[in-house]
Structures are given as C-alpha cells and as structure tokens.
Amino acid sequence: QVQLVESGGGLVQAGGSLRLSCAASGITSVMYSMGWYRQAPGKQRELVARIFGGGGTKYGDSVKGRFTISRDNAKNTVYLQMNSLKPEDTAVYYCNAERSVVDNFWGQGTQVTVSS
C-alpha cells in the first residue's frame, strides 16, 4: 500500500520559513517524479515544485527563488524548504508521486498559514 505522509505545516508570519517533509512508503521514491502542489480556498490546485528522478527540478513561477525542493533517497523522503513566505502562500500543500497516469499518488495534505 502506497502512503505519502506530509508534515511540517503550520502558522508562520510573513517573511518566515517552513520546511515540509513527505515520507513515502510502498514505493521507491527515486523511481518517481515527486512534487508539491497547493490548493488555496476557492482556487485550483497548482504546482509548487517537482523533482525528477535524475534530480532536475521545476518550480511554479510564484515560488521561484523562495522555495527549494530536495530529496533524500535513503530516507525515501522529499522536502520543500519555503523561505520569505507571503500571505498568498497560505494553502493546503499536497505531496505527489508520479510515474505514469495510473501510477500516481497523493498525500492527505498539510496546512500552511502565513499571517501578515
């Protein structure tokens, strides 16, 4: 059974930092493209960052230069370091593991709230 468990969310003031973690079980995460998405109330889920099996990364335009995605293959864990947080970063953040259209898994999400 595949599980993606996010942690590290919480309440932070604007300008602050948080680090999210996504621990994967039931898959070997290095064989997957791992990503972070977020969804704010009334908005569509959007890509925050993705890291590919070869180590390449992709970021959403709104987080470039502020967020960094990384992975620890030995721990089967993916991280999202979020710096210079803004109120508009407030959302539920979801971890995703994808290898194909049918081999695609999501975590339960973790709330990030940035106060002004």
Protein backbone atom coordinates (compact mmCIF):
# COMPACT_ATOMS: atom_id res chain seq x y z
CA GLN A 1 0.00 0.00 0.00
CA VAL A 2 1.39 3.36 -1.03
CA GLN A 3 1.40 6.14 1.54
CA LEU A 4 2.66 9.69 1.30
CA VAL A 5 2.69 11.43 4.68
CA GLU A 6 3.26 15.16 4.79
CA SER A 7 4.46 17.04 7.85
CA GLY A 8 5.90 20.42 8.77
CA GLY A 9 2.98 22.69 8.05
CA GLY A 10 1.78 25.32 10.48
CA LEU A 11 1.31 29.01 11.15
CA VAL A 12 4.13 31.42 10.37
CA GLN A 13 4.46 35.18 9.99
CA ALA A 14 5.14 36.74 6.62
CA GLY A 15 8.85 36.62 5.84
CA GLY A 16 9.32 33.45 7.84
CA SER A 17 10.29 29.94 6.78
CA LEU A 18 8.92 26.43 7.00
CA ARG A 19 10.19 23.07 5.80
CA LEU A 20 7.70 20.48 4.65
CA SER A 21 8.51 16.78 4.54
CA CYS A 22 6.88 14.00 2.58
CA ALA A 23 7.72 10.48 3.71
CA ALA A 24 6.89 7.82 1.14
CA SER A 25 6.19 4.16 1.85
CA GLY A 26 5.17 1.40 -0.51
CA ILE A 27 7.20 2.90 -3.34
CA THR A 28 10.83 3.65 -4.05
CA SER A 29 10.58 7.41 -4.39
CA VAL A 30 13.71 7.75 -6.51
CA MET A 31 11.84 5.91 -9.27
CA TYR A 32 9.14 8.55 -9.23
CA SER A 33 8.83 12.18 -10.08
CA MET A 34 7.96 13.75 -6.70
CA GLY A 35 6.16 17.02 -6.37
CA TRP A 36 4.48 19.50 -4.11
CA TYR A 37 1.19 21.11 -5.04
CA ARG A 38 -1.01 23.52 -3.15
CA GLN A 39 -4.63 24.50 -3.07
CA ALA A 40 -6.00 27.66 -1.53
CA PRO A 41 -9.71 28.09 -0.77
CA GLY A 42 -11.68 28.75 -3.93
CA LYS A 43 -8.66 28.12 -6.17
CA GLN A 44 -7.43 25.25 -8.29
CA ARG A 45 -4.62 23.01 -7.17
CA GLU A 46 -1.34 24.32 -8.58
CA LEU A 47 2.19 23.07 -8.96
CA VAL A 48 4.62 24.39 -6.39
CA ALA A 49 7.70 22.32 -7.21
CA ARG A 50 8.68 18.99 -8.72
CA ILE A 51 11.85 16.96 -8.61
CA PHE A 52 12.54 14.32 -11.21
CA GLY A 53 14.33 11.00 -10.89
CA GLY A 54 17.51 12.44 -12.38
CA GLY A 55 17.48 15.32 -9.91
CA GLY A 56 16.14 18.01 -12.21
CA THR A 57 13.62 20.42 -10.72
CA LYS A 58 10.73 22.58 -11.83
CA TYR A 59 9.06 25.39 -9.89
CA GLY A 60 5.87 27.37 -10.13
CA ASP A 61 6.51 30.96 -11.14
CA SER A 62 5.21 32.37 -7.86
CA VAL A 63 7.72 30.47 -5.73
CA LYS A 64 10.88 30.64 -7.83
CA GLY A 65 13.81 31.92 -5.80
CA ARG A 66 11.99 31.38 -2.50
CA PHE A 67 11.24 27.65 -2.33
CA THR A 68 13.60 24.71 -2.80
CA ILE A 69 12.64 21.09 -3.35
CA SER A 70 15.04 18.30 -2.44
CA ARG A 71 15.00 14.59 -1.79
CA ASP A 72 16.77 12.10 0.46
CA ASN A 73 16.61 8.81 -1.39
CA ALA A 74 17.95 6.86 1.58
CA LYS A 75 15.01 8.09 3.68
CA ASN A 76 12.50 7.90 0.82
CA THR A 77 11.60 11.48 1.70
CA VAL A 78 11.09 14.70 -0.25
CA TYR A 79 11.39 18.14 1.29
CA LEU A 80 10.16 21.61 0.46
CA GLN A 81 12.10 24.45 2.04
CA MET A 82 9.95 27.57 1.97
CA ASN A 83 11.59 30.92 2.67
CA SER A 84 10.32 34.50 2.52
CA LEU A 85 6.78 33.27 2.96
CA LYS A 86 3.92 35.52 1.93
CA PRO A 87 0.24 35.53 2.95
CA GLU A 88 -0.60 34.36 -0.58
CA ASP A 89 1.35 31.16 0.10
CA THR A 90 -1.41 30.15 2.50
CA ALA A 91 -2.87 26.86 1.27
CA VAL A 92 -3.05 23.14 1.86
CA TYR A 93 0.15 21.62 0.49
CA TYR A 94 0.00 18.15 -1.04
CA CYS A 95 2.76 15.70 -1.85
CA ASN A 96 2.56 13.81 -5.14
CA ALA A 97 4.42 10.81 -6.55
CA GLU A 98 4.03 10.13 -10.25
CA ARG A 99 5.49 7.57 -12.63
CA SER A 100 2.63 7.29 -15.09
CA VAL A 101 -1.01 8.31 -15.44
CA VAL A 102 -2.12 5.30 -13.41
CA ASP A 103 0.90 5.19 -11.11
CA ASN A 104 0.10 8.47 -9.42
CA PHE A 105 -0.35 9.00 -5.68
CA TRP A 106 -1.27 11.86 -3.36
CA GLY A 107 -0.80 12.59 0.32
CA GLN A 108 -3.50 13.90 2.64
CA GLY A 109 -2.11 17.43 2.72
CA THR A 110 -0.70 19.76 5.34
CA GLN A 111 -1.97 23.26 6.09
CA VAL A 112 0.37 26.22 5.73
CA THR A 113 -0.91 29.55 7.00
CA VAL A 114 1.09 32.75 6.59
CA SER A 115 -0.07 35.73 8.62
CA SER A 116 0.55 39.31 7.54
